[in-house]
C-alpha atoms as a PDB file:
ATOM      1  CA  MET A   1      12.716  76.853 165.750  1.00  0.00           C
ATOM      2  CA  GLN A   2      16.087  77.168 164.044  1.00  0.00           C
ATOM      3  CA  THR A   3      18.326  74.243 164.803  1.00  0.00           C
ATOM      4  CA  GLY A   4      21.840  75.210 163.808  1.00  0.00           C
ATOM      5  CA  THR A   5      21.764  72.788 160.867  1.00  0.00           C
ATOM      6  CA  GLU A   6      20.358  75.417 158.545  1.00  0.00           C
ATOM      7  CA  ASP A   7      21.105  74.976 154.867  1.00  0.00           C
ATOM      8  CA  PRO A   8      23.794  77.582 153.891  1.00  0.00           C
ATOM      9  CA  ALA A   9      21.736  78.454 150.825  1.00  0.00           C
ATOM     10  CA  GLU A  10      18.773  79.325 153.063  1.00  0.00           C
ATOM     11  CA  GLY A  11      20.975  81.613 155.146  1.00  0.00           C
ATOM     12  CA  ARG A  12      21.480  83.917 152.175  1.00  0.00           C
ATOM     13  CA  TYR A  13      17.785  84.745 152.075  1.00  0.00           C
ATOM     14  CA  ARG A  14      16.989  85.562 155.661  1.00  0.00           C
ATOM     15  CA  ALA A  15      13.737  87.188 156.784  1.00  0.00           C
ATOM     16  CA  PRO A  16      14.274  87.901 160.512  1.00  0.00           C
ATOM     17  CA  ALA A  17      10.716  89.030 161.212  1.00  0.00           C
ATOM     18  CA  LEU A  18       9.281  85.924 159.600  1.00  0.00           C
ATOM     19  CA  ASP A  19      11.739  83.756 161.525  1.00  0.00           C
ATOM     20  CA  LYS A  20      10.620  85.319 164.826  1.00  0.00           C
ATOM     21  CA  GLY A  21       6.962  84.684 164.025  1.00  0.00           C
ATOM     22  CA  LEU A  22       7.621  81.068 163.067  1.00  0.00           C
ATOM     23  CA  ASP A  23       9.714  80.556 166.203  1.00  0.00           C
ATOM     24  CA  ILE A  24       6.820  81.795 168.354  1.00  0.00           C
ATOM     25  CA  LEU A  25       4.358  79.485 166.597  1.00  0.00           C
ATOM     26  CA  GLU A  26       6.681  76.514 167.016  1.00  0.00           C
ATOM     27  CA  VAL A  27       7.344  77.086 170.714  1.00  0.00           C
ATOM     28  CA  LEU A  28       3.617  77.551 171.405  1.00  0.00           C
ATOM     29  CA  ALA A  29       2.809  74.373 169.482  1.00  0.00           C
ATOM     30  CA  GLU A  30       4.694  72.410 172.149  1.00  0.00           C
ATOM     31  CA  GLN A  31       2.744  73.941 175.057  1.00  0.00           C
ATOM     32  CA  ALA A  32      -0.812  72.711 175.582  1.00  0.00           C
ATOM     33  CA  ARG A  33      -1.446  75.324 178.288  1.00  0.00           C
ATOM     34  CA  GLY A  34       0.200  78.186 176.426  1.00  0.00           C
ATOM     35  CA  LEU A  35       2.980  80.480 177.650  1.00  0.00           C
ATOM     36  CA  THR A  36       3.240  83.958 179.107  1.00  0.00           C
ATOM     37  CA  ARG A  37       5.100  86.627 177.181  1.00  0.00           C
ATOM     38  CA  THR A  38       7.961  86.371 179.693  1.00  0.00           C
ATOM     39  CA  GLU A  39       8.177  82.620 179.154  1.00  0.00           C
ATOM     40  CA  ILE A  40       8.250  83.068 175.369  1.00  0.00           C
ATOM     41  CA  VAL A  41      11.041  85.658 175.704  1.00  0.00           C
ATOM     42  CA  LYS A  42      13.029  83.237 177.855  1.00  0.00           C
ATOM     43  CA  ALA A  43      12.444  80.286 175.520  1.00  0.00           C
ATOM     44  CA  LEU A  44      13.508  82.159 172.388  1.00  0.00           C
ATOM     45  CA  GLY A  45      16.180  84.453 173.794  1.00  0.00           C
ATOM     46  CA  LEU A  46      14.700  87.518 172.112  1.00  0.00           C
ATOM     47  CA  SER A  47      13.996  90.963 173.519  1.00  0.00           C
ATOM     48  CA  PRO A  48      10.569  91.675 175.058  1.00  0.00           C
ATOM     49  CA  SER A  49       9.894  94.406 172.502  1.00  0.00           C
ATOM     50  CA  GLN A  50      10.527  92.039 169.591  1.00  0.00           C
ATOM     51  CA  ILE A  51       8.228  89.418 171.078  1.00  0.00           C
ATOM     52  CA  TYR A  52       5.503  91.953 171.925  1.00  0.00           C
ATOM     53  CA  ARG A  53       5.233  93.303 168.388  1.00  0.00           C
ATOM     54  CA  MET A  54       5.213  89.860 166.810  1.00  0.00           C
ATOM     55  CA  LEU A  55       2.671  88.469 169.307  1.00  0.00           C
ATOM     56  CA  GLU A  56       0.335  91.377 168.667  1.00  0.00           C
ATOM     57  CA  ARG A  57       0.443  90.704 164.942  1.00  0.00           C
ATOM     58  CA  LEU A  58      -0.130  86.969 165.425  1.00  0.00           C
ATOM     59  CA  VAL A  59      -3.109  87.718 167.699  1.00  0.00           C
ATOM     60  CA  ALA A  60      -4.487  90.237 165.198  1.00  0.00           C
ATOM     61  CA  ARG A  61      -4.208  87.677 162.383  1.00  0.00           C
ATOM     62  CA  GLY A  62      -5.901  84.990 164.458  1.00  0.00           C
ATOM     63  CA  TYR A  63      -2.994  82.552 164.771  1.00  0.00           C
ATOM     64  CA  VAL A  64      -2.529  83.143 168.511  1.00  0.00           C
ATOM     65  CA  THR A  65      -5.049  83.912 171.254  1.00  0.00           C
ATOM     66  CA  ARG A  66      -4.715  85.357 174.754  1.00  0.00           C
ATOM     67  CA  LEU A  67      -5.661  83.133 177.673  1.00  0.00           C
ATOM     68  CA  ASP A  68      -6.060  84.618 181.150  1.00  0.00           C
ATOM     69  CA  GLY A  69      -4.528  87.968 180.320  1.00  0.00           C
ATOM     70  CA  ASP A  70      -0.836  87.525 179.558  1.00  0.00           C
ATOM     71  CA  ARG A  71      -0.878  83.850 178.535  1.00  0.00           C
ATOM     72  CA  TYR A  72      -0.781  83.034 174.829  1.00  0.00           C
ATOM     73  CA  ALA A  73      -1.744  79.856 172.960  1.00  0.00           C
ATOM     74  CA  LEU A  74      -2.242  78.760 169.378  1.00  0.00           C
ATOM     75  CA  THR A  75      -5.705  79.042 167.857  1.00  0.00           C
ATOM     76  CA  MET A  76      -7.167  76.621 165.322  1.00  0.00           C
ATOM     77  CA  ARG A  77      -6.239  78.898 162.410  1.00  0.00           C
ATOM     78  CA  MET A  78      -3.235  76.816 161.414  1.00  0.00           C
ATOM     79  CA  PHE A  79      -5.409  73.722 161.630  1.00  0.00           C
ATOM     80  CA  LEU A  80      -7.995  75.391 159.408  1.00  0.00           C
ATOM     81  CA  LEU A  81      -5.310  76.209 156.862  1.00  0.00           C
ATOM     82  CA  ALA A  82      -4.226  72.589 156.992  1.00  0.00           C
ATOM     83  CA  THR A  83      -7.791  71.392 156.377  1.00  0.00           C
ATOM     84  CA  ARG A  84      -7.724  73.143 153.024  1.00  0.00           C
ATOM     85  CA  HIS A  85      -4.798  70.924 152.184  1.00  0.00           C
ATOM     86  CA  PRO A  86      -4.938  67.299 150.977  1.00  0.00           C
ATOM     87  CA  PRO A  87      -5.254  65.731 154.492  1.00  0.00           C
ATOM     88  CA  LEU A  88      -8.872  66.947 154.840  1.00  0.00           C
ATOM     89  CA  ARG A  89      -9.602  65.937 151.282  1.00  0.00           C
ATOM     90  CA  ARG A  90      -8.093  62.553 152.085  1.00  0.00           C
ATOM     91  CA  LEU A  91     -10.324  62.213 155.158  1.00  0.00           C
ATOM     92  CA  LEU A  92     -13.400  63.105 153.108  1.00  0.00           C
ATOM     93  CA  ALA A  93     -12.361  60.789 150.285  1.00  0.00           C
ATOM     94  CA  GLU A  94     -12.049  57.940 152.780  1.00  0.00           C
ATOM     95  CA  ALA A  95     -15.214  58.847 154.692  1.00  0.00           C
ATOM     96  CA  GLN A  96     -17.757  59.411 151.912  1.00  0.00           C
ATOM     97  CA  PRO A  97     -17.929  55.886 150.472  1.00  0.00           C
ATOM     98  CA  LEU A  98     -17.992  54.388 153.974  1.00  0.00           C
ATOM     99  CA  MET A  99     -20.792  56.727 155.003  1.00  0.00           C
ATOM    100  CA  ASP A 100     -22.725  56.013 151.801  1.00  0.00           C
ATOM    101  CA  GLU A 101     -22.420  52.279 152.478  1.00  0.00           C
ATOM    102  CA  PHE A 102     -23.593  52.779 156.067  1.00  0.00           C
ATOM    103  CA  SER A 103     -26.667  54.746 154.980  1.00  0.00           C
ATOM    104  CA  GLY A 104     -27.565  52.268 152.267  1.00  0.00           C
ATOM    105  CA  ARG A 105     -27.174  49.250 154.551  1.00  0.00           C
ATOM    106  CA  ILE A 106     -28.675  50.663 157.768  1.00  0.00           C
ATOM    107  CA  GLY A 107     -31.305  52.862 156.114  1.00  0.00           C
ATOM    108  CA  GLN A 108     -30.379  55.970 158.132  1.00  0.00           C
ATOM    109  CA  SER A 109     -28.536  59.192 157.346  1.00  0.00           C
ATOM    110  CA  CYS A 110     -25.196  60.134 158.899  1.00  0.00           C
ATOM    111  CA  HIS A 111     -22.837  63.080 158.906  1.00  0.00           C
ATOM    112  CA  LEU A 112     -19.196  63.824 159.743  1.00  0.00           C
ATOM    113  CA  VAL A 113     -18.322  66.779 161.982  1.00  0.00           C
ATOM    114  CA  VAL A 114     -14.965  68.452 162.701  1.00  0.00           C
ATOM    115  CA  PRO A 115     -14.188  71.379 165.051  1.00  0.00           C
ATOM    116  CA  GLU A 116     -13.839  74.819 163.510  1.00  0.00           C
ATOM    117  CA  ARG A 117     -13.897  78.333 165.014  1.00  0.00           C
ATOM    118  CA  GLY A 118     -15.677  77.439 168.209  1.00  0.00           C
ATOM    119  CA  ALA A 119     -18.246  75.107 166.630  1.00  0.00           C
ATOM    120  CA  GLY A 120     -18.571  71.778 164.920  1.00  0.00           C
ATOM    121  CA  ILE A 121     -18.931  71.957 161.163  1.00  0.00           C
ATOM    122  CA  VAL A 122     -20.586  69.318 159.003  1.00  0.00           C
ATOM    123  CA  VAL A 123     -18.043  68.388 156.312  1.00  0.00           C
ATOM    124  CA  ALA A 124     -19.657  65.254 154.867  1.00  0.00           C
ATOM    125  CA  GLN A 125     -23.138  63.738 154.758  1.00  0.00           C
ATOM    126  CA  ALA A 126     -24.776  60.567 153.482  1.00  0.00           C
ATOM    127  CA  SER A 127     -28.465  59.667 153.101  1.00  0.00           C
ATOM    128  CA  PRO A 128     -30.348  56.438 152.395  1.00  0.00           C
ATOM    129  CA  ILE A 129     -32.486  55.870 149.323  1.00  0.00           C
ATOM    130  CA  GLY A 130     -36.067  56.144 150.484  1.00  0.00           C
ATOM    131  CA  HIS A 131     -39.122  58.321 150.842  1.00  0.00           C
ATOM    132  CA  TRP A 132     -38.224  59.796 154.247  1.00  0.00           C
ATOM    133  CA  GLU A 133     -34.939  61.046 155.612  1.00  0.00           C
ATOM    134  CA  PHE A 134     -33.355  63.559 157.930  1.00  0.00           C
ATOM    135  CA  ARG A 135     -29.993  65.000 157.046  1.00  0.00           C
ATOM    136  CA  ALA A 136     -27.670  67.699 158.303  1.00  0.00           C
ATOM    137  CA  ARG A 137     -26.751  70.419 155.839  1.00  0.00           C
ATOM    138  CA  LEU A 138     -23.157  70.437 154.601  1.00  0.00           C
ATOM    139  CA  GLY A 139     -21.374  73.401 156.161  1.00  0.00           C
ATOM    140  CA  ALA A 140     -23.842  73.639 159.051  1.00  0.00           C
ATOM    141  CA  GLN A 141     -22.261  74.927 162.272  1.00  0.00           C
ATOM    142  CA  LEU A 142     -23.216  72.945 165.372  1.00  0.00           C
ATOM    143  CA  ASP A 143     -22.987  74.156 168.960  1.00  0.00           C
ATOM    144  CA  LEU A 144     -20.437  72.103 170.893  1.00  0.00           C
ATOM    145  CA  PHE A 145     -22.425  72.139 174.149  1.00  0.00           C
ATOM    146  CA  THR A 146     -25.959  71.406 172.914  1.00  0.00           C
ATOM    147  CA  THR A 147     -25.596  68.971 170.002  1.00  0.00           C
ATOM    148  CA  SER A 148     -24.672  65.312 170.062  1.00  0.00           C
ATOM    149  CA  SER A 149     -21.748  65.794 167.678  1.00  0.00           C
ATOM    150  CA  GLY A 150     -20.408  68.700 169.730  1.00  0.00           C
ATOM    151  CA  LEU A 151     -20.725  66.919 173.070  1.00  0.00           C
ATOM    152  CA  THR A 152     -19.020  63.846 171.640  1.00  0.00           C
ATOM    153  CA  LEU A 153     -16.143  65.971 170.342  1.00  0.00           C
ATOM    154  CA  LEU A 154     -15.766  67.416 173.845  1.00  0.00           C
ATOM    155  CA  ALA A 155     -16.067  64.036 175.574  1.00  0.00           C
ATOM    156  CA  PHE A 156     -13.161  62.552 173.666  1.00  0.00           C
ATOM    157  CA  GLN A 157     -10.588  65.253 174.395  1.00  0.00           C
ATOM    158  CA  ASP A 158      -8.038  65.086 177.200  1.00  0.00           C
ATOM    159  CA  PRO A 159     -10.055  66.149 180.283  1.00  0.00           C
ATOM    160  CA  ALA A 160      -6.955  67.742 181.824  1.00  0.00           C
ATOM    161  CA  GLY A 161      -6.442  69.989 178.814  1.00  0.00           C
ATOM    162  CA  ILE A 162     -10.005  70.562 177.598  1.00  0.00           C
ATOM    163  CA  THR A 163     -10.010  74.270 178.530  1.00  0.00           C
ATOM    164  CA  GLN A 164      -6.865  74.825 176.479  1.00  0.00           C
ATOM    165  CA  THR A 165      -8.279  72.777 173.625  1.00  0.00           C
ATOM    166  CA  LEU A 166     -11.387  74.934 173.579  1.00  0.00           C
ATOM    167  CA  GLY A 167      -9.189  78.028 173.602  1.00  0.00           C
ATOM    168  CA  CYS A 168      -7.436  76.700 170.522  1.00  0.00           C
ATOM    169  CA  TRP A 169     -10.838  76.062 168.952  1.00  0.00           C
ATOM    170  CA  GLY A 170     -11.817  79.688 169.588  1.00  0.00           C
ATOM    171  CA  ILE A 171     -13.858  79.336 172.796  1.00  0.00           C
ATOM    172  CA  ALA A 172     -12.556  81.198 175.845  1.00  0.00           C
ATOM    173  CA  GLY A 173     -13.977  81.283 179.369  1.00  0.00           C
ATOM    174  CA  ALA A 174     -15.897  78.025 179.027  1.00  0.00           C
ATOM    175  CA  ASP A 175     -15.117  76.643 182.504  1.00  0.00           C
ATOM    176  CA  GLU A 176     -18.672  77.100 183.780  1.00  0.00           C
ATOM    177  CA  ARG A 177     -20.223  75.456 180.727  1.00  0.00           C
ATOM    178  CA  LEU A 178     -17.731  72.597 180.927  1.00  0.00           C
ATOM    179  CA  ALA A 179     -18.544  72.059 184.592  1.00  0.00           C
ATOM    180  CA  GLY A 180     -22.212  71.819 183.706  1.00  0.00           C
ATOM    181  CA  VAL A 181     -21.684  69.014 181.186  1.00  0.00           C
ATOM    182  CA  ALA A 182     -18.716  67.262 182.847  1.00  0.00           C
ATOM    183  CA  PRO A 183     -20.748  64.352 184.318  1.00  0.00           C
ATOM    184  CA  HIS A 184     -22.403  63.738 180.962  1.00  0.00           C
ATOM    185  CA  LEU A 185     -19.068  63.858 179.117  1.00  0.00           C
ATOM    186  CA  ALA A 186     -17.682  61.279 181.546  1.00  0.00           C
ATOM    187  CA  GLU A 187     -20.653  58.987 180.800  1.00  0.00           C
ATOM    188  CA  VAL A 188     -20.095  59.367 177.055  1.00  0.00           C
ATOM    189  CA  ARG A 189     -16.387  58.531 177.416  1.00  0.00           C
ATOM    190  CA  ALA A 190     -17.193  55.473 179.529  1.00  0.00           C
ATOM    191  CA  ARG A 191     -19.674  54.214 176.944  1.00  0.00           C
ATOM    192  CA  GLY A 192     -17.458  55.045 173.977  1.00  0.00           C
ATOM    193  CA  ALA A 193     -20.318  56.789 172.182  1.00  0.00           C
ATOM    194  CA  ARG A 194     -23.316  59.030 172.758  1.00  0.00           C
ATOM    195  CA  VAL A 195     -26.852  57.735 172.204  1.00  0.00           C
ATOM    196  CA  ALA A 196     -29.627  60.087 173.284  1.00  0.00           C
ATOM    197  CA  PRO A 197     -32.793  61.784 172.044  1.00  0.00           C
ATOM    198  CA  SER A 198     -32.019  64.724 169.808  1.00  0.00           C
ATOM    199  CA  GLY A 199     -32.042  68.090 171.501  1.00  0.00           C
ATOM    200  CA  GLN A 200     -33.127  69.697 168.245  1.00  0.00           C
ATOM    201  CA  LEU A 201     -35.819  67.411 166.756  1.00  0.00           C
ATOM    202  CA  ALA A 202     -38.507  65.309 168.427  1.00  0.00           C
ATOM    203  CA  GLY A 203     -38.580  61.651 167.400  1.00  0.00           C
ATOM    204  CA  VAL A 204     -34.886  61.539 166.449  1.00  0.00           C
ATOM    205  CA  THR A 205     -32.237  59.624 168.385  1.00  0.00           C
ATOM    206  CA  ASP A 206     -28.701  60.924 167.920  1.00  0.00           C
ATOM    207  CA  ILE A 207     -26.014  58.247 167.758  1.00  0.00           C
ATOM    208  CA  SER A 208     -22.498  59.746 167.788  1.00  0.00           C
ATOM    209  CA  VAL A 209     -19.088  58.060 167.830  1.00  0.00           C
ATOM    210  CA  PRO A 210     -15.611  59.635 167.837  1.00  0.00           C
ATOM    211  CA  VAL A 211     -13.043  59.312 165.080  1.00  0.00           C
ATOM    212  CA  PRO A 212      -9.745  59.272 167.006  1.00  0.00           C
ATOM    213  CA  GLY A 213      -6.555  60.841 165.714  1.00  0.00           C
ATOM    214  CA  PRO A 214      -2.992  59.598 166.230  1.00  0.00           C
ATOM    215  CA  GLY A 215      -2.991  60.862 169.842  1.00  0.00           C
ATOM    216  CA  GLY A 216      -6.248  59.103 170.685  1.00  0.00           C
ATOM    217  CA  MET A 217      -8.302  62.295 170.950  1.00  0.00           C
ATOM    218  CA  ALA A 218     -11.294  62.827 168.660  1.00  0.00           C
ATOM    219  CA  VAL A 219     -10.458  64.729 165.488  1.00  0.00           C
ATOM    220  CA  ALA A 220     -13.968  64.236 164.118  1.00  0.00           C
ATOM    221  CA  VAL A 221     -17.329  62.720 165.053  1.00  0.00           C
ATOM    222  CA  LEU A 222     -19.720  60.551 163.068  1.00  0.00           C
ATOM    223  CA  THR A 223     -23.382  61.059 163.925  1.00  0.00           C
ATOM    224  CA  CYS A 224     -26.427  59.123 162.804  1.00  0.00           C
ATOM    225  CA  ALA A 225     -29.759  60.907 163.274  1.00  0.00           C
ATOM    226  CA  PHE A 226     -31.729  57.700 163.810  1.00  0.00           C
ATOM    227  CA  ILE A 227     -35.418  57.803 162.899  1.00  0.00           C
ATOM    228  CA  ASP A 228     -37.887  55.023 163.660  1.00  0.00           C
ATOM    229  CA  HIS A 229     -40.186  54.112 160.760  1.00  0.00           C
ATOM    230  CA  PRO A 230     -43.312  52.466 162.243  1.00  0.00           C
ATOM    231  CA  ASP A 231     -45.031  52.221 158.872  1.00  0.00           C
ATOM    232  CA  ALA A 232     -42.207  50.267 157.203  1.00  0.00           C
ATOM    233  CA  ALA A 233     -40.210  47.114 157.781  1.00  0.00           C
ATOM    234  CA  GLN A 234     -37.237  48.405 159.790  1.00  0.00           C
ATOM    235  CA  ILE A 235     -34.409  45.890 159.518  1.00  0.00           C
ATOM    236  CA  HIS A 236     -31.824  47.632 161.686  1.00  0.00           C
ATOM    237  CA  ASP A 237     -32.330  48.982 165.198  1.00  0.00           C
ATOM    238  CA  ARG A 238     -30.283  51.524 167.162  1.00  0.00           C
ATOM    239  CA  ASP A 239     -27.833  48.929 168.432  1.00  0.00           C
ATOM    240  CA  SER A 240     -26.957  47.702 164.960  1.00  0.00           C
ATOM    241  CA  ALA A 241     -26.666  51.305 163.753  1.00  0.00           C
ATOM    242  CA  LEU A 242     -24.272  52.053 166.628  1.00  0.00           C
ATOM    243  CA  ALA A 243     -22.152  48.988 165.834  1.00  0.00           C
ATOM    244  CA  ALA A 244     -22.000  49.923 162.150  1.00  0.00           C
ATOM    245  CA  LEU A 245     -21.074  53.515 162.966  1.00  0.00           C
ATOM    246  CA  HIS A 246     -18.238  52.294 165.217  1.00  0.00           C
ATOM    247  CA  GLU A 247     -17.028  50.171 162.318  1.00  0.00           C
ATOM    248  CA  VAL A 248     -16.898  53.207 160.025  1.00  0.00           C
ATOM    249  CA  ALA A 249     -15.030  55.232 162.689  1.00  0.00           C
ATOM    250  CA  ARG A 250     -12.442  52.466 163.202  1.00  0.00           C
ATOM    251  CA  THR A 251     -11.851  52.207 159.461  1.00  0.00           C
ATOM    252  CA  LEU A 252     -11.393  55.972 159.187  1.00  0.00           C
ATOM    253  CA  ALA A 253      -9.022  56.075 162.165  1.00  0.00           C
ATOM    254  CA  ALA A 254      -6.915  53.291 160.656  1.00  0.00           C
ATOM    255  CA  ALA A 255      -6.812  55.089 157.295  1.00  0.00           C
ATOM    256  CA  GLU A 256      -5.657  58.340 158.925  1.00  0.00           C
ATOM    257  CA  ALA A 257      -3.038  56.714 161.183  1.00  0.00           C
ATOM    258  CA  PRO A 258       0.598  57.412 160.252  1.00  0.00           C
ATOM    259  CA  PRO A 259       2.563  54.468 158.796  1.00  0.00           C
ATOM    260  CA  ALA A 260       4.185  52.228 161.424  1.00  0.00           C
END
């Protein structure tokens, strides 16, 4: 929002409609549970008609979503715009060599997943050198409630604000589905990772660990689709794969942390 310390040069080139839209985005960014239209009007000191028109445009463009009728919250669209910017490229640049080293050392594939438009999307992948492998396709969209990467993303969000987080990710009305997986998410949080048979492929054990952001919540998940190889000398077991995956996640989190 405007602060009263505006550069005089900027004041000569005012765009009131744009200012109103940016003010709405900024005030909503500070509210995890969103705001009603009346609350936005009160916070910004603008007329209801001005707010209504701008909110409708922001909803139509996908920057804002309605929650429970008259409550509004930010979507992930601004985040998605940001991921086209160097920060995502920086994350991938940091992650790829670490993931390649993991796959070469452990002999298993792994992939990196971030939330996007109500799903998890695979943004990086690494595979071992060998005759047999399983790998997730780059760009694949993963269901948040039925895949290991998705469940791990959910497990490492703030439980008190998970409904709002899902709303921002583009999933509304998920209370019933969340209730169904809540005990499992609590177990994953307590363990610090998810290790379980794959729900998509027989014979695969999914090992997923969170990559925490500055606030401690997961901004991404690393998953190893662990495959046993009975016909070959298997040096590393699931426990060593889990430890190595945690090591990669800690290194990534440290690389993404803001300077002290």
